[in-house]
Amino acid sequence: MPQLTNERNKTMVAGATAGVAEALATMPFEVTKNRIQMGHGPPAILLNARDTVAKKGVRGLYYGLQPQLLQVSAKSSLRFVAFETYQRMLPGSTFTCGMLAGLTEALVLVAPTERLKILRTAELRAGAHSAGASSSVFHAAGALVREQGVAGLWHGAAPTAARQMLANGLRFFFYDHFKAALKGVSGSAAIAGGMTGVVSVVLTNPVDVVKTRIQAAPAGGGLGAQVGTVREMIAAEGWVTLTRGMSARALKIGSGQAVIFGVFDCVKRRL
């Protein structure tokens, strides 16, 4: 593998490579998680995935892959670069640096691509030949901007930022501890990544459910309308709805973080 001399370049390449690997490996879990959180199809993981395949074929499990590939590769690269940058500014503050890295990636990239991905996944509620379904995520993006303006892409940015800040702070914090505990174990980076992914899911799932519901709803009305969406959801479905999609999300993020940290560690060491 060609040798890169700049440390930031190494981090960017390793992060982007890890992101692509994670997106390809976990997209079916992501689609299933989003559908369960939106109340589309059966609540069980395997039954929901089968419902997706029945409606859209196997390709339905990869609906939204285009923004997911863009998002996860760029997000992973940005996350690690931002984290290392903040660490130089705030040495020893792993949790805080992780939260700041999460805020950076959320506002720069995650909010608009998540909005497109959620809207794309929402199309699976209709039958395979529904009349309003967009032909591609790029068509959906164009239609969204025409109808709601560029700001429509950032609908739900606040809960997205909250989720990314908390999740990344927790992941970097626990990753260091888990990897230290696994010192000398083969594949310790991947194992520690998987463990920290599951922990972060349990602690952030309510925020993720709120984010998904807000992003799936039409834009407009500002913060008051978003709060109303959450109140209506809880009133109609109870507080238990905040646990929706946790199993699918644990599978997706646990395996995804194992891939991301494992690939990042391997690639960066070889650059």
C-alpha atoms as a PDB file:
ATOM      1  CA  MET A   1       0.000   0.000   0.000  1.00  0.00           C
ATOM      2  CA  PRO A   2       1.391   3.482  -0.889  1.00  0.00           C
ATOM      3  CA  GLN A   3       2.853   5.353   2.043  1.00  0.00           C
ATOM      4  CA  LEU A   4       1.166   8.634   3.002  1.00  0.00           C
ATOM      5  CA  THR A   5       3.278  11.078   4.937  1.00  0.00           C
ATOM      6  CA  ASN A   6       0.677  13.486   6.264  1.00  0.00           C
ATOM      7  CA  GLU A   7      -1.070  12.196   9.398  1.00  0.00           C
ATOM      8  CA  ARG A   8      -4.340  13.932   8.519  1.00  0.00           C
ATOM      9  CA  ASN A   9      -4.308  12.339   5.048  1.00  0.00           C
ATOM     10  CA  LYS A  10      -3.831   8.931   6.624  1.00  0.00           C
ATOM     11  CA  THR A  11      -6.786   9.553   8.924  1.00  0.00           C
ATOM     12  CA  MET A  12      -8.996  10.738   6.044  1.00  0.00           C
ATOM     13  CA  VAL A  13      -8.221   7.742   3.827  1.00  0.00           C
ATOM     14  CA  ALA A  14      -8.552   5.207   6.639  1.00  0.00           C
ATOM     15  CA  GLY A  15     -11.817   6.785   7.804  1.00  0.00           C
ATOM     16  CA  ALA A  16     -13.357   6.873   4.325  1.00  0.00           C
ATOM     17  CA  THR A  17     -12.354   3.253   3.635  1.00  0.00           C
ATOM     18  CA  ALA A  18     -13.846   2.150   6.947  1.00  0.00           C
ATOM     19  CA  GLY A  19     -17.059   4.046   6.169  1.00  0.00           C
ATOM     20  CA  VAL A  20     -17.555   2.394   2.762  1.00  0.00           C
ATOM     21  CA  ALA A  21     -16.999  -1.052   4.277  1.00  0.00           C
ATOM     22  CA  GLU A  22     -19.499  -0.310   7.069  1.00  0.00           C
ATOM     23  CA  ALA A  23     -22.187   1.006   4.718  1.00  0.00           C
ATOM     24  CA  LEU A  24     -22.053  -2.003   2.410  1.00  0.00           C
ATOM     25  CA  ALA A  25     -22.109  -4.456   5.315  1.00  0.00           C
ATOM     26  CA  THR A  26     -24.943  -2.944   7.343  1.00  0.00           C
ATOM     27  CA  MET A  27     -27.403  -1.247   4.957  1.00  0.00           C
ATOM     28  CA  PRO A  28     -30.137  -3.942   5.322  1.00  0.00           C
ATOM     29  CA  PHE A  29     -30.106  -3.399   9.104  1.00  0.00           C
ATOM     30  CA  GLU A  30     -30.382   0.365   8.590  1.00  0.00           C
ATOM     31  CA  VAL A  31     -33.403   0.066   6.279  1.00  0.00           C
ATOM     32  CA  THR A  32     -35.097  -2.399   8.629  1.00  0.00           C
ATOM     33  CA  LYS A  33     -34.419  -0.217  11.680  1.00  0.00           C
ATOM     34  CA  ASN A  34     -35.875   2.866  10.005  1.00  0.00           C
ATOM     35  CA  ARG A  35     -38.996   1.012   8.834  1.00  0.00           C
ATOM     36  CA  ILE A  36     -39.652  -0.381  12.321  1.00  0.00           C
ATOM     37  CA  GLN A  37     -39.208   3.076  13.899  1.00  0.00           C
ATOM     38  CA  MET A  38     -41.668   4.582  11.402  1.00  0.00           C
ATOM     39  CA  GLY A  39     -44.180   1.814  12.094  1.00  0.00           C
ATOM     40  CA  HIS A  40     -43.942   0.384   8.571  1.00  0.00           C
ATOM     41  CA  GLY A  41     -44.361  -3.379   8.412  1.00  0.00           C
ATOM     42  CA  PRO A  42     -43.986  -5.975  11.202  1.00  0.00           C
ATOM     43  CA  PRO A  43     -42.021  -4.968  14.336  1.00  0.00           C
ATOM     44  CA  ALA A  44     -39.827  -8.102  14.272  1.00  0.00           C
ATOM     45  CA  ILE A  45     -36.505  -7.749  12.432  1.00  0.00           C
ATOM     46  CA  LEU A  46     -36.684 -10.801  10.171  1.00  0.00           C
ATOM     47  CA  LEU A  47     -40.387 -10.358   9.391  1.00  0.00           C
ATOM     48  CA  ASN A  48     -39.851  -6.707   8.560  1.00  0.00           C
ATOM     49  CA  ALA A  49     -36.947  -7.523   6.257  1.00  0.00           C
ATOM     50  CA  ARG A  50     -39.096 -10.160   4.538  1.00  0.00           C
ATOM     51  CA  ASP A  51     -41.875  -7.590   4.140  1.00  0.00           C
ATOM     52  CA  THR A  52     -39.379  -5.228   2.499  1.00  0.00           C
ATOM     53  CA  VAL A  53     -38.271  -7.916   0.050  1.00  0.00           C
ATOM     54  CA  ALA A  54     -41.905  -8.787  -0.733  1.00  0.00           C
ATOM     55  CA  LYS A  55     -42.677  -5.149  -1.584  1.00  0.00           C
ATOM     56  CA  LYS A  56     -39.499  -4.090  -3.363  1.00  0.00           C
ATOM     57  CA  GLY A  57     -37.363  -7.162  -3.856  1.00  0.00           C
ATOM     58  CA  VAL A  58     -33.891  -7.632  -2.391  1.00  0.00           C
ATOM     59  CA  ARG A  59     -32.914  -4.196  -3.687  1.00  0.00           C
ATOM     60  CA  GLY A  60     -35.409  -2.760  -1.208  1.00  0.00           C
ATOM     61  CA  LEU A  61     -32.976  -3.662   1.588  1.00  0.00           C
ATOM     62  CA  TYR A  62     -30.555  -1.209  -0.015  1.00  0.00           C
ATOM     63  CA  TYR A  63     -32.994   1.685  -0.525  1.00  0.00           C
ATOM     64  CA  GLY A  64     -31.091   4.847   0.354  1.00  0.00           C
ATOM     65  CA  LEU A  65     -27.688   3.211  -0.257  1.00  0.00           C
ATOM     66  CA  GLN A  66     -26.517   6.134  -2.405  1.00  0.00           C
ATOM     67  CA  PRO A  67     -26.772   8.747   0.369  1.00  0.00           C
ATOM     68  CA  GLN A  68     -25.654   6.113   2.891  1.00  0.00           C
ATOM     69  CA  LEU A  69     -22.415   5.470   0.997  1.00  0.00           C
ATOM     70  CA  LEU A  70     -21.817   9.198   0.643  1.00  0.00           C
ATOM     71  CA  GLN A  71     -22.749   9.824   4.231  1.00  0.00           C
ATOM     72  CA  VAL A  72     -20.869   7.034   5.960  1.00  0.00           C
ATOM     73  CA  SER A  73     -17.620   7.286   3.985  1.00  0.00           C
ATOM     74  CA  ALA A  74     -17.437  11.079   4.305  1.00  0.00           C
ATOM     75  CA  LYS A  75     -18.826  11.005   7.862  1.00  0.00           C
ATOM     76  CA  SER A  76     -16.296   8.454   9.053  1.00  0.00           C
ATOM     77  CA  SER A  77     -13.432  10.397   7.493  1.00  0.00           C
ATOM     78  CA  LEU A  78     -14.696  13.694   8.936  1.00  0.00           C
ATOM     79  CA  ARG A  79     -15.347  12.138  12.351  1.00  0.00           C
ATOM     80  CA  PHE A  80     -11.835  10.790  12.852  1.00  0.00           C
ATOM     81  CA  VAL A  81     -10.155  13.948  11.500  1.00  0.00           C
ATOM     82  CA  ALA A  82     -12.344  16.168  13.700  1.00  0.00           C
ATOM     83  CA  PHE A  83     -11.781  13.948  16.744  1.00  0.00           C
ATOM     84  CA  GLU A  84      -8.002  14.024  16.366  1.00  0.00           C
ATOM     85  CA  THR A  85      -8.110  17.791  15.773  1.00  0.00           C
ATOM     86  CA  TYR A  86     -10.162  18.395  18.916  1.00  0.00           C
ATOM     87  CA  GLN A  87      -7.886  16.056  20.875  1.00  0.00           C
ATOM     88  CA  ARG A  88      -4.922  18.268  20.041  1.00  0.00           C
ATOM     89  CA  MET A  89      -6.897  21.239  21.360  1.00  0.00           C
ATOM     90  CA  LEU A  90      -8.320  19.426  24.412  1.00  0.00           C
ATOM     91  CA  PRO A  91      -5.879  16.625  25.322  1.00  0.00           C
ATOM     92  CA  GLY A  92      -7.318  13.980  27.617  1.00  0.00           C
ATOM     93  CA  SER A  93     -10.960  14.984  27.040  1.00  0.00           C
ATOM     94  CA  THR A  94     -12.032  11.930  25.036  1.00  0.00           C
ATOM     95  CA  PHE A  95     -15.784  12.210  25.671  1.00  0.00           C
ATOM     96  CA  THR A  96     -15.886  15.957  24.971  1.00  0.00           C
ATOM     97  CA  CYS A  97     -13.803  15.595  21.799  1.00  0.00           C
ATOM     98  CA  GLY A  98     -16.081  12.796  20.634  1.00  0.00           C
ATOM     99  CA  MET A  99     -19.160  14.955  21.202  1.00  0.00           C
ATOM    100  CA  LEU A 100     -17.615  17.871  19.292  1.00  0.00           C
ATOM    101  CA  ALA A 101     -16.708  15.537  16.434  1.00  0.00           C
ATOM    102  CA  GLY A 102     -20.310  14.304  16.436  1.00  0.00           C
ATOM    103  CA  LEU A 103     -21.658  17.857  16.307  1.00  0.00           C
ATOM    104  CA  THR A 104     -19.340  18.691  13.414  1.00  0.00           C
ATOM    105  CA  GLU A 105     -20.335  15.684  11.315  1.00  0.00           C
ATOM    106  CA  ALA A 106     -24.028  16.181  12.099  1.00  0.00           C
ATOM    107  CA  LEU A 107     -24.259  19.776  10.948  1.00  0.00           C
ATOM    108  CA  VAL A 108     -21.915  19.429   7.972  1.00  0.00           C
ATOM    109  CA  LEU A 109     -23.086  16.127   6.548  1.00  0.00           C
ATOM    110  CA  VAL A 110     -25.310  13.769   8.520  1.00  0.00           C
ATOM    111  CA  ALA A 111     -28.498  15.856   8.821  1.00  0.00           C
ATOM    112  CA  PRO A 112     -29.129  16.368   5.061  1.00  0.00           C
ATOM    113  CA  THR A 113     -28.124  12.846   3.999  1.00  0.00           C
ATOM    114  CA  GLU A 114     -30.165  11.286   6.824  1.00  0.00           C
ATOM    115  CA  ARG A 115     -33.178  13.320   5.704  1.00  0.00           C
ATOM    116  CA  LEU A 116     -32.885  11.925   2.163  1.00  0.00           C
ATOM    117  CA  LYS A 117     -32.287   8.385   3.388  1.00  0.00           C
ATOM    118  CA  ILE A 118     -35.305   8.454   5.725  1.00  0.00           C
ATOM    119  CA  LEU A 119     -37.588   9.835   3.003  1.00  0.00           C
ATOM    120  CA  ARG A 120     -36.327   7.190   0.593  1.00  0.00           C
ATOM    121  CA  THR A 121     -36.964   4.421   3.130  1.00  0.00           C
ATOM    122  CA  ALA A 122     -40.460   5.804   3.792  1.00  0.00           C
ATOM    123  CA  GLU A 123     -41.369   4.995   0.170  1.00  0.00           C
ATOM    124  CA  LEU A 124     -41.231   1.299   1.091  1.00  0.00           C
ATOM    125  CA  ARG A 125     -44.547   1.701   2.911  1.00  0.00           C
ATOM    126  CA  ALA A 126     -46.288   1.808  -0.440  1.00  0.00           C
ATOM    127  CA  GLY A 127     -46.491  -1.073  -2.884  1.00  0.00           C
ATOM    128  CA  ALA A 128     -43.824  -1.826  -5.421  1.00  0.00           C
ATOM    129  CA  HIS A 129     -45.524   0.286  -8.094  1.00  0.00           C
ATOM    130  CA  SER A 130     -46.680   3.255  -6.043  1.00  0.00           C
ATOM    131  CA  ALA A 131     -47.442   6.335  -8.052  1.00  0.00           C
ATOM    132  CA  GLY A 132     -45.400   8.943  -6.237  1.00  0.00           C
ATOM    133  CA  ALA A 133     -42.220   7.007  -5.594  1.00  0.00           C
ATOM    134  CA  SER A 134     -39.091   8.757  -6.812  1.00  0.00           C
ATOM    135  CA  SER A 135     -36.852   6.951  -9.275  1.00  0.00           C
ATOM    136  CA  SER A 136     -33.665   7.713  -7.345  1.00  0.00           C
ATOM    137  CA  VAL A 137     -32.399   9.496  -4.294  1.00  0.00           C
ATOM    138  CA  PHE A 138     -31.085  12.287  -6.532  1.00  0.00           C
ATOM    139  CA  HIS A 139     -34.566  12.819  -7.975  1.00  0.00           C
ATOM    140  CA  ALA A 140     -35.906  12.868  -4.408  1.00  0.00           C
ATOM    141  CA  ALA A 141     -33.287  15.459  -3.419  1.00  0.00           C
ATOM    142  CA  GLY A 142     -34.222  17.695  -6.346  1.00  0.00           C
ATOM    143  CA  ALA A 143     -37.937  17.424  -5.563  1.00  0.00           C
ATOM    144  CA  LEU A 144     -37.330  18.162  -1.873  1.00  0.00           C
ATOM    145  CA  VAL A 145     -35.297  21.307  -2.611  1.00  0.00           C
ATOM    146  CA  ARG A 146     -37.885  22.540  -5.115  1.00  0.00           C
ATOM    147  CA  GLU A 147     -40.738  22.053  -2.646  1.00  0.00           C
ATOM    148  CA  GLN A 148     -39.096  23.119   0.637  1.00  0.00           C
ATOM    149  CA  GLY A 149     -35.888  24.908  -0.305  1.00  0.00           C
ATOM    150  CA  VAL A 150     -32.398  23.913   0.771  1.00  0.00           C
ATOM    151  CA  ALA A 151     -33.469  24.225   4.421  1.00  0.00           C
ATOM    152  CA  GLY A 152     -35.692  21.164   3.881  1.00  0.00           C
ATOM    153  CA  LEU A 153     -32.549  19.041   3.779  1.00  0.00           C
ATOM    154  CA  TRP A 154     -31.755  20.075   7.357  1.00  0.00           C
ATOM    155  CA  HIS A 155     -35.235  19.283   8.734  1.00  0.00           C
ATOM    156  CA  GLY A 156     -34.581  17.328  11.939  1.00  0.00           C
ATOM    157  CA  ALA A 157     -31.026  18.656  12.317  1.00  0.00           C
ATOM    158  CA  ALA A 158     -31.413  19.300  16.066  1.00  0.00           C
ATOM    159  CA  PRO A 159     -32.211  15.703  17.108  1.00  0.00           C
ATOM    160  CA  THR A 160     -29.650  14.452  14.583  1.00  0.00           C
ATOM    161  CA  ALA A 161     -26.971  16.615  16.196  1.00  0.00           C
ATOM    162  CA  ALA A 162     -28.046  15.476  19.674  1.00  0.00           C
ATOM    163  CA  ARG A 163     -27.788  11.819  18.636  1.00  0.00           C
ATOM    164  CA  GLN A 164     -24.412  12.222  16.911  1.00  0.00           C
ATOM    165  CA  MET A 165     -22.910  14.149  19.819  1.00  0.00           C
ATOM    166  CA  LEU A 166     -24.011  11.644  22.452  1.00  0.00           C
ATOM    167  CA  ALA A 167     -23.238   8.568  20.349  1.00  0.00           C
ATOM    168  CA  ASN A 168     -19.762   9.674  19.318  1.00  0.00           C
ATOM    169  CA  GLY A 169     -18.836  10.879  22.776  1.00  0.00           C
ATOM    170  CA  LEU A 170     -19.823   7.488  24.174  1.00  0.00           C
ATOM    171  CA  ARG A 171     -18.146   5.504  21.384  1.00  0.00           C
ATOM    172  CA  PHE A 172     -14.740   7.141  21.635  1.00  0.00           C
ATOM    173  CA  PHE A 173     -14.880   7.075  25.440  1.00  0.00           C
ATOM    174  CA  PHE A 174     -15.804   3.386  25.731  1.00  0.00           C
ATOM    175  CA  TYR A 175     -13.617   2.349  22.777  1.00  0.00           C
ATOM    176  CA  ASP A 176     -10.473   3.458  24.591  1.00  0.00           C
ATOM    177  CA  HIS A 177     -11.487   1.539  27.705  1.00  0.00           C
ATOM    178  CA  PHE A 178     -12.574  -1.618  25.907  1.00  0.00           C
ATOM    179  CA  LYS A 179      -9.460  -1.709  23.714  1.00  0.00           C
ATOM    180  CA  ALA A 180      -7.213  -1.263  26.750  1.00  0.00           C
ATOM    181  CA  ALA A 181      -9.007  -4.163  28.452  1.00  0.00           C
ATOM    182  CA  LEU A 182      -8.500  -6.312  25.344  1.00  0.00           C
ATOM    183  CA  LYS A 183      -4.807  -5.487  24.968  1.00  0.00           C
ATOM    184  CA  GLY A 184      -2.993  -8.366  23.297  1.00  0.00           C
ATOM    185  CA  VAL A 185      -6.200  -9.944  21.931  1.00  0.00           C
ATOM    186  CA  SER A 186      -6.246 -10.486  18.161  1.00  0.00           C
ATOM    187  CA  GLY A 187      -8.770  -8.184  16.483  1.00  0.00           C
ATOM    188  CA  SER A 188      -9.104  -6.066  19.626  1.00  0.00           C
ATOM    189  CA  ALA A 189      -9.990  -2.929  17.604  1.00  0.00           C
ATOM    190  CA  ALA A 190     -12.942  -4.632  15.905  1.00  0.00           C
ATOM    191  CA  ILE A 191     -14.144  -6.298  19.125  1.00  0.00           C
ATOM    192  CA  ALA A 192     -13.916  -3.056  21.096  1.00  0.00           C
ATOM    193  CA  GLY A 193     -15.696  -1.225  18.277  1.00  0.00           C
ATOM    194  CA  GLY A 194     -18.560  -3.728  18.291  1.00  0.00           C
ATOM    195  CA  MET A 195     -18.946  -3.538  22.059  1.00  0.00           C
ATOM    196  CA  THR A 196     -18.969   0.245  22.109  1.00  0.00           C
ATOM    197  CA  GLY A 197     -21.506   0.295  19.286  1.00  0.00           C
ATOM    198  CA  VAL A 198     -23.984  -1.800  21.258  1.00  0.00           C
ATOM    199  CA  VAL A 199     -23.525   0.312  24.405  1.00  0.00           C
ATOM    200  CA  SER A 200     -24.131   3.524  22.446  1.00  0.00           C
ATOM    201  CA  VAL A 201     -27.323   2.071  20.909  1.00  0.00           C
ATOM    202  CA  VAL A 202     -28.868   1.284  24.277  1.00  0.00           C
ATOM    203  CA  LEU A 203     -28.128   4.779  25.570  1.00  0.00           C
ATOM    204  CA  THR A 204     -29.174   6.763  22.470  1.00  0.00           C
ATOM    205  CA  ASN A 205     -32.127   4.834  20.983  1.00  0.00           C
ATOM    206  CA  PRO A 206     -34.857   7.249  22.231  1.00  0.00           C
ATOM    207  CA  VAL A 207     -33.090  10.146  20.512  1.00  0.00           C
ATOM    208  CA  ASP A 208     -32.767   8.107  17.320  1.00  0.00           C
ATOM    209  CA  VAL A 209     -36.484   7.250  17.264  1.00  0.00           C
ATOM    210  CA  VAL A 210     -37.397  10.926  17.694  1.00  0.00           C
ATOM    211  CA  LYS A 211     -34.960  11.893  14.919  1.00  0.00           C
ATOM    212  CA  THR A 212     -36.390   9.311  12.520  1.00  0.00           C
ATOM    213  CA  ARG A 213     -40.002  10.359  13.102  1.00  0.00           C
ATOM    214  CA  ILE A 214     -39.233  14.060  12.676  1.00  0.00           C
ATOM    215  CA  GLN A 215     -37.234  13.506   9.494  1.00  0.00           C
ATOM    216  CA  ALA A 216     -39.964  11.291   8.027  1.00  0.00           C
ATOM    217  CA  ALA A 217     -42.576  14.005   8.616  1.00  0.00           C
ATOM    218  CA  PRO A 218     -43.155  16.954   6.235  1.00  0.00           C
ATOM    219  CA  ALA A 219     -40.992  19.974   6.944  1.00  0.00           C
ATOM    220  CA  GLY A 220     -42.518  23.171   8.250  1.00  0.00           C
ATOM    221  CA  GLY A 221     -43.661  24.626  11.533  1.00  0.00           C
ATOM    222  CA  GLY A 222     -40.231  24.817  13.097  1.00  0.00           C
ATOM    223  CA  LEU A 223     -39.346  23.455  16.520  1.00  0.00           C
ATOM    224  CA  GLY A 224     -42.933  23.663  17.793  1.00  0.00           C
ATOM    225  CA  ALA A 225     -44.173  21.340  15.056  1.00  0.00           C
ATOM    226  CA  GLN A 226     -41.327  18.910  15.738  1.00  0.00           C
ATOM    227  CA  VAL A 227     -42.151  18.812  19.444  1.00  0.00           C
ATOM    228  CA  GLY A 228     -45.791  18.253  18.493  1.00  0.00           C
ATOM    229  CA  THR A 229     -44.786  15.284  16.326  1.00  0.00           C
ATOM    230  CA  VAL A 230     -43.003  13.702  19.293  1.00  0.00           C
ATOM    231  CA  ARG A 231     -45.939  14.349  21.655  1.00  0.00           C
ATOM    232  CA  GLU A 232     -48.407  12.813  19.220  1.00  0.00           C
ATOM    233  CA  MET A 233     -46.155   9.785  18.792  1.00  0.00           C
ATOM    234  CA  ILE A 234     -45.905   9.150  22.537  1.00  0.00           C
ATOM    235  CA  ALA A 235     -49.612   9.836  23.125  1.00  0.00           C
ATOM    236  CA  ALA A 236     -50.629   7.376  20.419  1.00  0.00           C
ATOM    237  CA  GLU A 237     -48.054   4.651  21.000  1.00  0.00           C
ATOM    238  CA  GLY A 238     -46.801   5.121  24.553  1.00  0.00           C
ATOM    239  CA  TRP A 239     -43.273   5.563  25.858  1.00  0.00           C
ATOM    240  CA  VAL A 240     -42.386   2.062  24.702  1.00  0.00           C
ATOM    241  CA  THR A 241     -42.206   3.442  21.174  1.00  0.00           C
ATOM    242  CA  LEU A 242     -38.842   4.982  22.122  1.00  0.00           C
ATOM    243  CA  THR A 243     -37.401   1.459  22.135  1.00  0.00           C
ATOM    244  CA  ARG A 244     -38.538   0.780  18.558  1.00  0.00           C
ATOM    245  CA  GLY A 245     -35.825  -0.533  16.279  1.00  0.00           C
ATOM    246  CA  MET A 246     -33.350  -1.104  19.120  1.00  0.00           C
ATOM    247  CA  SER A 247     -32.588  -4.708  18.152  1.00  0.00           C
ATOM    248  CA  ALA A 248     -32.105  -3.881  14.476  1.00  0.00           C
ATOM    249  CA  ARG A 249     -30.070  -0.823  15.428  1.00  0.00           C
ATOM    250  CA  ALA A 250     -27.889  -2.853  17.814  1.00  0.00           C
ATOM    251  CA  LEU A 251     -27.172  -5.353  15.034  1.00  0.00           C
ATOM    252  CA  LYS A 252     -26.480  -2.583  12.543  1.00  0.00           C
ATOM    253  CA  ILE A 253     -24.384  -0.307  14.741  1.00  0.00           C
ATOM    254  CA  GLY A 254     -22.661  -3.044  16.721  1.00  0.00           C
ATOM    255  CA  SER A 255     -21.465  -4.750  13.547  1.00  0.00           C
ATOM    256  CA  GLY A 256     -20.924  -1.390  11.860  1.00  0.00           C
ATOM    257  CA  GLN A 257     -18.663  -0.040  14.589  1.00  0.00           C
ATOM    258  CA  ALA A 258     -16.746  -3.313  14.604  1.00  0.00           C
ATOM    259  CA  VAL A 259     -16.118  -2.819  10.876  1.00  0.00           C
ATOM    260  CA  ILE A 260     -15.327   0.900  11.184  1.00  0.00           C
ATOM    261  CA  PHE A 261     -12.860   0.682  14.071  1.00  0.00           C
ATOM    262  CA  GLY A 262     -11.362  -2.578  12.806  1.00  0.00           C
ATOM    263  CA  VAL A 263     -10.848  -1.352   9.230  1.00  0.00           C
ATOM    264  CA  PHE A 264      -9.706   2.112  10.364  1.00  0.00           C
ATOM    265  CA  ASP A 265      -7.097   0.630  12.690  1.00  0.00           C
ATOM    266  CA  CYS A 266      -5.866  -1.838  10.035  1.00  0.00           C
ATOM    267  CA  VAL A 267      -5.733   0.648   7.149  1.00  0.00           C
ATOM    268  CA  LYS A 268      -4.090   3.452   9.113  1.00  0.00           C
ATOM    269  CA  ARG A 269      -1.375   1.143  10.401  1.00  0.00           C
ATOM    270  CA  ARG A 270      -0.599   0.102   6.825  1.00  0.00           C
ATOM    271  CA  LEU A 271      -0.500   3.593   5.305  1.00  0.00           C
END
